[in-house]
């Protein structure tokens, strides 16, 4: 049996890297939360899954998160977490949830922190071993973000030669796991779970031929499964309301694909994306916006009615950071650190401005402001305006940021890394006033 341990918030004593490497919790050890907690309703103060409550990177209305901070100011709590992981934080009710890949301990796990204090509630170990997979220098073995329906938590892991979907109770008890497909690794894996009705949906595009799979949330039983082309690709699937219907949209593998999320049947499938994509697409109700970076850079607007018509396209490299759409205005940050804005109908460039640094984190919008974090730990906050670029503030935190911020309840939840005692240490942090 693995040893029980407690991660400490910096409001108490910080845990050392050596302690993190040497100790662990198992899925039957819980610090403060009772077993089998009652389901809770997802509300406007939550960030329950990847890209937030509306799956588009836009925070709920009537929030006033901080626009500036530093290592001491506006930091409500900061908790060291083990391993190297790039998935964003999920915030539901009293819980902050994050996926972890800890090579020192040789495991992949799901961690739950207290939303108010940052203290550990539990850690549920889902894979022992299977982490010795080489991706690119920016990948991790825990790059997906958890999804929570208020009762169960879902998370995807690439482990050894397969991709698995896991379901865990809100007290950390593992419920089921389902294999999505084999996985031939190219540059890592980061596709996050997607909820729809009674289903949880996962995608595992890869060079060996992946799948998009819908499982029953209660049991993990496969309800439908669609094979995918044998090509490397990395986006999370997303459900959009476009052209008058609900569509499950996947980009990449040289296609834009629309499925019925309830049955898996094809609505339409057309060219309009490159082979390798990472971003999660958005829509204005008429067009689906895709971007990719291999074998060519592109941003394109594909009509969502299945006609196959390309409304417009350019060769911008918005490969990793997902875009934002607001009032017929498409906002993006290029991987090379340039903020850019287009008219979503015509594709006309409205403005662009250099931020600096390299970007992997996706854009998030809250209270009319865009939050953009670069890989060096600098977050730029600027107005979501189609008229001009106006920088409001920039704030530095740590040395590395690959995860995207989660903004809810007027607070910002983020993970970053810094050097402690000569070693890289990751943290989860809550920024607020």
Protein backbone atom coordinates (compact mmCIF):
# COMPACT_ATOMS: atom_id res chain seq x y z
CA UNK A 1 0.00 0.00 0.00
CA UNK A 2 1.21 3.51 -0.80
CA UNK A 3 1.88 5.85 2.09
CA UNK A 4 -0.52 8.61 3.05
CA UNK A 5 0.81 12.14 2.81
CA UNK A 6 -0.38 15.73 2.93
CA UNK A 7 0.57 18.52 0.54
CA UNK A 8 0.95 21.79 2.40
CA UNK A 9 -0.29 25.19 1.31
CA UNK A 10 2.24 28.00 1.53
CA UNK A 11 0.07 29.43 4.27
CA UNK A 12 1.73 26.63 6.25
CA UNK A 13 5.08 24.99 5.47
CA UNK A 14 5.87 24.22 1.83
CA UNK A 15 6.55 20.60 0.99
CA UNK A 16 9.99 19.85 -0.38
CA UNK A 17 10.63 18.12 -3.69
CA UNK A 18 12.27 15.23 -1.89
CA UNK A 19 9.12 14.68 0.17
CA UNK A 20 6.97 14.82 -2.92
CA UNK A 21 9.09 12.18 -4.59
CA UNK A 22 9.11 9.86 -1.62
CA UNK A 23 5.50 9.87 -0.46
CA UNK A 24 2.02 9.35 -1.82
CA UNK A 25 -1.65 8.87 -1.08
CA UNK A 26 -3.71 5.98 -2.28
CA UNK A 27 -7.27 6.24 -3.51
CA UNK A 28 -8.70 5.07 -0.19
CA UNK A 29 -7.08 7.86 1.88
CA UNK A 30 -8.97 11.12 2.34
CA UNK A 31 -7.81 14.06 4.41
CA UNK A 32 -10.98 15.99 5.21
CA UNK A 33 -13.79 15.21 2.77
CA UNK A 34 -16.40 12.60 3.79
CA UNK A 35 -16.99 9.59 1.61
CA UNK A 36 -19.77 9.60 -0.98
CA UNK A 37 -20.57 13.32 -0.89
CA UNK A 38 -23.97 14.25 -2.26
CA UNK A 39 -24.04 15.48 -5.87
CA UNK A 40 -23.92 19.23 -6.27
CA UNK A 41 -25.34 21.45 -8.98
CA UNK A 42 -22.91 23.11 -11.37
CA UNK A 43 -23.29 26.88 -11.05
CA UNK A 44 -21.99 30.16 -12.48
CA UNK A 45 -19.19 30.26 -9.89
CA UNK A 46 -17.70 27.01 -11.24
CA UNK A 47 -15.25 26.14 -14.04
CA UNK A 48 -16.35 22.52 -14.46
CA UNK A 49 -14.38 21.38 -17.54
CA UNK A 50 -11.90 22.37 -20.24
CA UNK A 51 -12.63 25.82 -21.73
CA UNK A 52 -15.09 26.66 -18.98
CA UNK A 53 -18.85 26.51 -18.48
CA UNK A 54 -19.78 27.31 -22.11
CA UNK A 55 -16.85 25.37 -23.65
CA UNK A 56 -15.55 28.57 -25.27
CA UNK A 57 -13.03 30.06 -22.82
CA UNK A 58 -15.46 32.73 -21.62
CA UNK A 59 -16.10 33.08 -17.88
CA UNK A 60 -19.60 33.59 -16.52
CA UNK A 61 -20.91 37.15 -16.34
CA UNK A 62 -20.73 39.47 -13.32
CA UNK A 63 -17.20 38.63 -12.24
CA UNK A 64 -14.36 40.94 -11.28
CA UNK A 65 -11.18 38.83 -11.12
CA UNK A 66 -7.86 40.57 -10.44
CA UNK A 67 -6.06 42.10 -13.40
CA UNK A 68 -2.63 42.32 -11.72
CA UNK A 69 -0.73 40.29 -9.13
CA UNK A 70 2.73 39.16 -8.10
CA UNK A 71 4.29 36.47 -5.90
CA UNK A 72 2.71 37.97 -2.78
CA UNK A 73 -0.06 40.40 -3.75
CA UNK A 74 -3.50 38.86 -4.48
CA UNK A 75 -2.24 35.30 -3.89
CA UNK A 76 -4.91 33.71 -1.69
CA UNK A 77 -3.15 30.34 -1.59
CA UNK A 78 -0.33 28.52 -3.35
CA UNK A 79 0.08 24.76 -3.04
CA UNK A 80 3.00 22.66 -4.31
CA UNK A 81 1.90 19.73 -6.45
CA UNK A 82 4.05 16.85 -7.66
CA UNK A 83 5.28 16.01 -11.13
CA UNK A 84 5.12 17.77 -14.46
CA UNK A 85 1.58 18.32 -15.74
CA UNK A 86 0.01 20.85 -18.09
CA UNK A 87 -3.73 20.30 -17.67
CA UNK A 88 -5.82 23.22 -16.43
CA UNK A 89 -7.59 23.30 -13.07
CA UNK A 90 -11.25 22.34 -12.78
CA UNK A 91 -13.25 24.13 -10.07
CA UNK A 92 -16.60 22.75 -8.85
CA UNK A 93 -18.27 23.60 -5.54
CA UNK A 94 -15.69 23.32 -2.74
CA UNK A 95 -13.14 21.47 -4.90
CA UNK A 96 -10.24 22.26 -7.20
CA UNK A 97 -9.33 19.26 -9.35
CA UNK A 98 -6.17 18.61 -11.34
CA UNK A 99 -4.47 15.75 -13.14
CA UNK A 100 -0.92 14.82 -12.15
CA UNK A 101 1.87 12.80 -13.75
CA UNK A 102 4.60 12.20 -11.20
CA UNK A 103 7.63 10.49 -12.73
CA UNK A 104 9.41 10.36 -9.35
CA UNK A 105 6.65 8.19 -7.92
CA UNK A 106 5.86 6.56 -11.28
CA UNK A 107 2.14 7.32 -11.24
CA UNK A 108 -0.70 9.28 -12.80
CA UNK A 109 -3.32 10.57 -10.43
CA UNK A 110 -6.18 12.95 -9.82
CA UNK A 111 -5.77 15.46 -6.99
CA UNK A 112 -8.45 17.42 -5.14
CA UNK A 113 -7.63 20.64 -3.26
CA UNK A 114 -9.85 22.69 -0.99
CA UNK A 115 -11.10 25.67 -2.99
CA UNK A 116 -10.78 28.11 -0.09
CA UNK A 117 -7.46 27.04 1.43
CA UNK A 118 -5.58 25.06 -1.22
CA UNK A 119 -5.07 22.19 1.22
CA UNK A 120 -5.14 18.65 -0.11
CA UNK A 121 -8.40 16.75 0.29
CA UNK A 122 -7.39 13.56 -1.51
CA UNK A 123 -5.29 12.01 -4.23
CA UNK A 124 -6.64 9.14 -6.32
CA UNK A 125 -3.90 7.10 -8.02
CA UNK A 126 -5.20 5.85 -11.38
CA UNK A 127 -2.05 4.42 -13.03
CA UNK A 128 1.08 2.99 -11.50
CA UNK A 129 3.92 2.91 -14.07
CA UNK A 130 3.40 3.38 -17.82
CA UNK A 131 4.81 6.94 -17.84
CA UNK A 132 8.00 6.24 -19.76
CA UNK A 133 6.72 7.73 -23.01
CA UNK A 134 8.69 10.42 -24.80
CA UNK A 135 6.75 13.36 -26.22
CA UNK A 136 8.05 16.74 -27.29
CA UNK A 137 9.71 19.08 -24.80
CA UNK A 138 6.43 20.89 -24.09
CA UNK A 139 4.27 17.81 -23.52
CA UNK A 140 3.44 16.08 -20.26
CA UNK A 141 1.79 12.82 -19.28
CA UNK A 142 -1.07 14.78 -17.67
CA UNK A 143 -2.05 17.49 -20.14
CA UNK A 144 -5.81 16.89 -20.10
CA UNK A 145 -8.19 18.77 -17.79
CA UNK A 146 -10.75 16.97 -15.62
CA UNK A 147 -14.50 17.32 -16.27
CA UNK A 148 -16.97 17.19 -13.36
CA UNK A 149 -20.75 16.83 -13.51
CA UNK A 150 -21.21 17.55 -9.79
CA UNK A 151 -21.19 13.87 -8.89
CA UNK A 152 -18.39 12.23 -10.88
CA UNK A 153 -15.04 13.42 -12.18
CA UNK A 154 -13.71 12.27 -15.56
CA UNK A 155 -10.12 12.39 -16.77
CA UNK A 156 -8.15 11.03 -19.74
CA UNK A 157 -4.61 9.67 -19.49
CA UNK A 158 -2.23 8.39 -22.12
CA UNK A 159 -0.50 5.52 -20.36
CA UNK A 160 1.97 3.09 -21.98
CA UNK A 161 0.45 2.24 -25.38
CA UNK A 162 -3.20 3.25 -24.79
CA UNK A 163 -5.51 6.12 -23.88
CA UNK A 164 -7.88 5.57 -20.96
CA UNK A 165 -10.94 7.41 -19.68
CA UNK A 166 -11.38 7.26 -15.89
CA UNK A 167 -14.39 8.07 -13.71
CA UNK A 168 -13.86 8.96 -10.04
CA UNK A 169 -16.33 9.86 -7.30
CA UNK A 170 -16.08 13.30 -5.74
CA UNK A 171 -14.45 11.69 -2.70
CA UNK A 172 -11.68 10.21 -4.87
CA UNK A 173 -13.01 6.66 -5.16
CA UNK A 174 -12.25 5.21 -8.62
CA UNK A 175 -15.42 3.96 -10.33
CA UNK A 176 -14.46 2.70 -13.79
CA UNK A 177 -11.98 3.05 -16.61
CA UNK A 178 -12.49 2.46 -20.33
CA UNK A 179 -9.83 2.13 -23.01
CA UNK A 180 -10.47 4.54 -25.87
CA UNK A 181 -7.85 3.11 -28.22
CA UNK A 182 -4.24 2.21 -28.66
CA UNK A 183 -1.92 5.18 -28.92
CA UNK A 184 1.19 5.58 -31.06
CA UNK A 185 2.85 8.59 -29.47
CA UNK A 186 4.13 11.39 -31.66
CA UNK A 187 4.20 14.63 -29.62
CA UNK A 188 2.16 13.74 -26.57
CA UNK A 189 -1.55 13.64 -25.67
CA UNK A 190 -3.82 16.31 -24.20
CA UNK A 191 -7.43 15.75 -25.22
CA UNK A 192 -9.89 16.40 -22.38
CA UNK A 193 -13.22 14.69 -21.58
CA UNK A 194 -16.48 16.19 -22.86
CA UNK A 195 -19.90 15.77 -21.21
CA UNK A 196 -23.18 15.50 -23.11
CA UNK A 197 -26.42 14.34 -21.52
CA UNK A 198 -25.74 10.95 -19.90
CA UNK A 199 -22.54 10.54 -21.91
CA UNK A 200 -18.88 11.36 -21.47
CA UNK A 201 -16.94 11.61 -24.74
CA UNK A 202 -13.23 11.18 -25.35
CA UNK A 203 -10.99 11.42 -28.41
CA UNK A 204 -7.63 9.74 -29.01
CA UNK A 205 -6.42 10.75 -32.49
CA UNK A 206 -2.96 9.31 -33.19
CA UNK A 207 -0.65 7.87 -35.85
CA UNK A 208 -1.87 4.33 -35.17
CA UNK A 209 -5.52 5.17 -35.78
CA UNK A 210 -7.52 6.50 -32.82
CA UNK A 211 -11.18 6.87 -32.00
CA UNK A 212 -13.83 9.17 -30.64
CA UNK A 213 -15.79 7.26 -28.01
CA UNK A 214 -18.97 8.03 -26.05
CA UNK A 215 -19.46 6.17 -22.76
CA UNK A 216 -22.28 6.10 -20.26
CA UNK A 217 -21.23 8.32 -17.38
CA UNK A 218 -22.51 5.92 -14.74
CA UNK A 219 -20.92 2.71 -15.97
CA UNK A 220 -18.24 3.46 -18.58
CA UNK A 221 -20.10 1.25 -21.06
CA UNK A 222 -19.41 2.28 -24.65
CA UNK A 223 -22.56 3.72 -26.24
CA UNK A 224 -20.98 4.57 -29.59
CA UNK A 225 -17.50 4.63 -31.10
CA UNK A 226 -16.12 6.07 -34.34
CA UNK A 227 -12.70 5.20 -35.71
CA UNK A 228 -10.49 8.11 -36.72
CA UNK A 229 -7.78 8.49 -39.41
CA UNK A 230 -4.31 7.18 -38.58
CA UNK A 231 -2.78 10.64 -38.21
CA UNK A 232 -1.30 12.56 -35.26
CA UNK A 233 -3.70 15.16 -33.86
CA UNK A 234 -4.32 16.70 -30.44
CA UNK A 235 -7.54 18.76 -29.94
CA UNK A 236 -10.27 18.13 -27.43
CA UNK A 237 -13.69 17.51 -29.00
CA UNK A 238 -16.24 20.25 -28.40
CA UNK A 239 -20.03 20.55 -28.65
CA UNK A 240 -21.21 23.62 -30.54
CA UNK A 241 -24.60 25.00 -31.46
CA UNK A 242 -24.20 26.01 -35.10
CA UNK A 243 -26.33 26.06 -38.24
CA UNK A 244 -29.38 25.46 -36.06
CA UNK A 245 -28.31 22.20 -34.42
CA UNK A 246 -26.09 20.71 -31.74
CA UNK A 247 -22.84 19.38 -33.21
CA UNK A 248 -19.85 17.51 -31.86
CA UNK A 249 -16.93 19.03 -33.78
CA UNK A 250 -13.40 17.70 -34.18
CA UNK A 251 -10.68 19.42 -36.19
CA UNK A 252 -7.46 18.00 -37.62
CA UNK A 253 -6.48 14.84 -39.52
CA UNK A 254 -6.96 17.14 -42.58
CA UNK A 255 -10.69 17.39 -41.82
CA UNK A 256 -13.36 19.28 -39.98
CA UNK A 257 -15.77 16.66 -38.69
CA UNK A 258 -19.26 17.15 -37.27
CA UNK A 259 -21.01 14.27 -35.48
CA UNK A 260 -24.30 13.87 -33.68
CA UNK A 261 -23.09 13.75 -30.05
CA UNK A 262 -25.89 11.39 -29.01
CA UNK A 263 -25.35 8.76 -31.69
CA UNK A 264 -21.94 9.37 -33.26
CA UNK A 265 -23.47 9.55 -36.73
CA UNK A 266 -21.82 11.94 -39.17
CA UNK A 267 -23.54 15.26 -39.77
CA UNK A 268 -20.86 16.36 -42.22
CA UNK A 269 -17.13 16.08 -42.82
CA UNK A 270 -15.13 18.43 -45.06
CA UNK A 271 -11.57 19.58 -45.69
CA UNK A 272 -10.73 22.78 -43.85
CA UNK A 273 -8.07 21.91 -41.30
CA UNK A 274 -4.49 20.75 -41.51
CA UNK A 275 -3.17 17.40 -40.24
CA UNK A 276 -2.06 18.39 -36.74
CA UNK A 277 -4.24 20.71 -34.69
CA UNK A 278 -4.24 21.45 -30.95
CA UNK A 279 -6.78 24.21 -30.36
CA UNK A 280 -10.40 23.66 -29.35
CA UNK A 281 -12.58 25.32 -31.96
CA UNK A 282 -15.22 28.01 -31.45
CA UNK A 283 -18.23 29.09 -33.50
CA UNK A 284 -20.29 32.20 -34.19
CA UNK A 285 -23.31 30.03 -35.03
CA UNK A 286 -22.60 30.03 -38.76
CA UNK A 287 -18.88 29.33 -39.03
CA UNK A 288 -16.50 26.94 -37.25
CA UNK A 289 -13.04 28.37 -36.70
CA UNK A 290 -10.09 26.01 -36.93
CA UNK A 291 -6.35 26.51 -36.56
CA UNK A 292 -3.31 24.28 -36.89
CA UNK A 293 0.42 24.16 -37.35
CA UNK A 294 1.50 21.13 -39.37
CA UNK A 295 2.18 20.65 -42.23
CA UNK A 296 0.99 24.22 -42.68
CA UNK A 297 -0.02 27.11 -40.45
CA UNK A 298 -3.63 28.17 -40.84
CA UNK A 299 -6.66 29.82 -39.33
CA UNK A 300 -9.84 29.12 -41.26
CA UNK A 301 -13.57 29.75 -41.11
CA UNK A 302 -15.61 26.76 -42.34
CA UNK A 303 -19.36 27.09 -42.80
CA UNK A 304 -21.08 24.89 -40.19
CA UNK A 305 -23.93 23.82 -42.48
CA UNK A 306 -22.00 20.97 -44.09
CA UNK A 307 -21.70 22.71 -47.46
CA UNK A 308 -17.92 22.42 -47.31
CA UNK A 309 -17.50 26.09 -48.13
CA UNK A 310 -14.51 27.90 -46.70
CA UNK A 311 -15.52 31.45 -45.75
CA UNK A 312 -11.93 32.63 -45.33
CA UNK A 313 -8.45 31.44 -44.39
CA UNK A 314 -5.03 32.88 -43.53
CA UNK A 315 -1.60 31.46 -42.70
CA UNK A 316 -1.26 32.61 -39.08
CA UNK A 317 0.40 30.18 -36.69
CA UNK A 318 -2.14 29.76 -33.92
CA UNK A 319 -1.13 26.17 -33.33
CA UNK A 320 -1.50 25.60 -29.58
CA UNK A 321 -3.47 28.43 -27.85
CA UNK A 322 -7.23 28.17 -28.38
CA UNK A 323 -9.02 31.27 -29.69
CA UNK A 324 -11.91 33.38 -28.37
CA UNK A 325 -14.99 34.67 -30.17
CA UNK A 326 -17.10 37.63 -29.09
CA UNK A 327 -19.49 39.85 -31.05
CA UNK A 328 -18.29 38.69 -34.48
CA UNK A 329 -14.71 39.27 -33.40
CA UNK A 330 -12.15 36.46 -33.31
CA UNK A 331 -9.26 36.90 -30.87
CA UNK A 332 -6.10 34.81 -30.94
CA UNK A 333 -2.53 34.82 -29.78
CA UNK A 334 0.07 33.41 -32.11
CA UNK A 335 2.46 30.86 -30.64
CA UNK A 336 5.24 33.41 -31.19
CA UNK A 337 3.66 35.95 -28.83
CA UNK A 338 1.55 38.24 -31.03
CA UNK A 339 -2.03 39.08 -30.06
CA UNK A 340 -4.27 39.38 -33.11
CA UNK A 341 -7.90 40.18 -33.87
CA UNK A 342 -10.01 39.41 -36.95
CA UNK A 343 -13.53 40.13 -38.06
CA UNK A 344 -15.07 36.65 -37.84
CA UNK A 345 -17.35 37.13 -40.86
CA UNK A 346 -14.85 38.48 -43.40
CA UNK A 347 -11.53 37.41 -41.90
CA UNK A 348 -10.26 40.99 -42.11
CA UNK A 349 -7.42 41.67 -39.68
CA UNK A 350 -8.48 44.42 -37.30
CA UNK A 351 -5.30 44.80 -35.24
CA UNK A 352 -2.28 42.96 -33.90
CA UNK A 353 0.22 43.70 -31.15
CA UNK A 354 3.34 42.03 -29.82
CA UNK A 355 3.06 40.61 -26.31
CA UNK A 356 6.37 38.75 -26.15
CA UNK A 357 7.38 35.22 -25.26
CA UNK A 358 6.06 31.90 -26.54
CA UNK A 359 2.46 30.79 -25.90
CA UNK A 360 0.91 27.40 -25.19
CA UNK A 361 -1.83 28.51 -22.77
CA UNK A 362 -5.25 29.27 -24.26
CA UNK A 363 -7.01 32.62 -24.03
CA UNK A 364 -9.68 33.20 -21.38
CA UNK A 365 -12.13 36.12 -21.29
CA UNK A 366 -13.64 37.58 -18.11
CA UNK A 367 -15.33 40.93 -17.42
CA UNK A 368 -14.54 42.20 -20.91
CA UNK A 369 -10.83 41.43 -20.58
CA UNK A 370 -8.65 38.76 -22.18
CA UNK A 371 -6.13 36.84 -20.06
CA UNK A 372 -3.16 35.45 -22.00
CA UNK A 373 -0.33 33.60 -20.21
CA UNK A 374 2.97 32.87 -21.95
CA UNK A 375 5.29 29.96 -21.25
CA UNK A 376 7.60 32.16 -19.17
CA UNK A 377 4.89 32.81 -16.57
CA UNK A 378 3.84 36.30 -17.72
CA UNK A 379 0.10 36.92 -17.99
CA UNK A 380 -1.07 39.81 -20.16
CA UNK A 381 -4.52 41.29 -19.57
CA UNK A 382 -5.97 43.38 -22.40
CA UNK A 383 -9.34 44.65 -23.58
CA UNK A 384 -11.53 42.41 -25.72
CA UNK A 385 -12.04 45.19 -28.24
CA UNK A 386 -12.23 45.02 -32.04
CA UNK A 387 -11.21 48.68 -32.30
CA UNK A 388 -7.66 48.56 -30.94
CA UNK A 389 -5.28 46.73 -28.64
CA UNK A 390 -5.22 48.15 -25.11
CA UNK A 391 -3.02 46.47 -22.51
CA UNK A 392 -4.44 46.75 -18.99
CA UNK A 393 -1.74 44.94 -16.99
CA UNK A 394 0.94 42.28 -17.09
CA UNK A 395 1.95 40.08 -14.17
CA UNK A 396 4.72 37.54 -13.63
CA UNK A 397 4.29 34.34 -11.65
CA UNK A 398 6.96 31.65 -11.52
CA UNK A 399 9.11 30.59 -14.45
CA UNK A 400 6.87 28.34 -16.59
CA UNK A 401 3.18 28.25 -17.44
CA UNK A 402 1.69 25.79 -19.92
CA UNK A 403 -1.79 25.40 -18.39
CA UNK A 404 -4.63 27.78 -19.19
CA UNK A 405 -6.20 29.88 -16.42
CA UNK A 406 -9.61 28.96 -15.01
CA UNK A 407 -11.65 31.99 -13.90
CA UNK A 408 -14.73 31.64 -11.70
CA UNK A 409 -16.15 33.26 -8.61
CA UNK A 410 -14.02 36.35 -9.43
CA UNK A 411 -10.88 34.31 -8.79
CA UNK A 412 -8.19 32.91 -11.09
CA UNK A 413 -7.00 29.32 -10.65
CA UNK A 414 -3.73 28.48 -12.38
CA UNK A 415 -0.76 26.13 -12.26
CA UNK A 416 2.83 27.18 -12.82
CA UNK A 417 6.38 26.03 -12.12
CA UNK A 418 9.35 27.64 -10.39
CA UNK A 419 12.78 26.51 -9.24
CA UNK A 420 13.05 25.53 -5.58
CA UNK A 421 16.26 24.19 -4.07
CA UNK A 422 17.68 23.76 -7.56
CA UNK A 423 14.72 21.69 -8.78
CA UNK A 424 11.61 22.43 -10.83
CA UNK A 425 8.52 22.54 -8.61
CA UNK A 426 4.95 22.89 -9.81
CA UNK A 427 2.25 24.83 -7.94
CA UNK A 428 -1.49 25.32 -8.04
CA UNK A 429 -2.46 28.87 -7.13
CA UNK A 430 -5.60 30.88 -6.41
CA UNK A 431 -5.47 34.58 -7.28
CA UNK A 432 -8.14 36.86 -5.88
CA UNK A 433 -8.93 39.87 -3.75
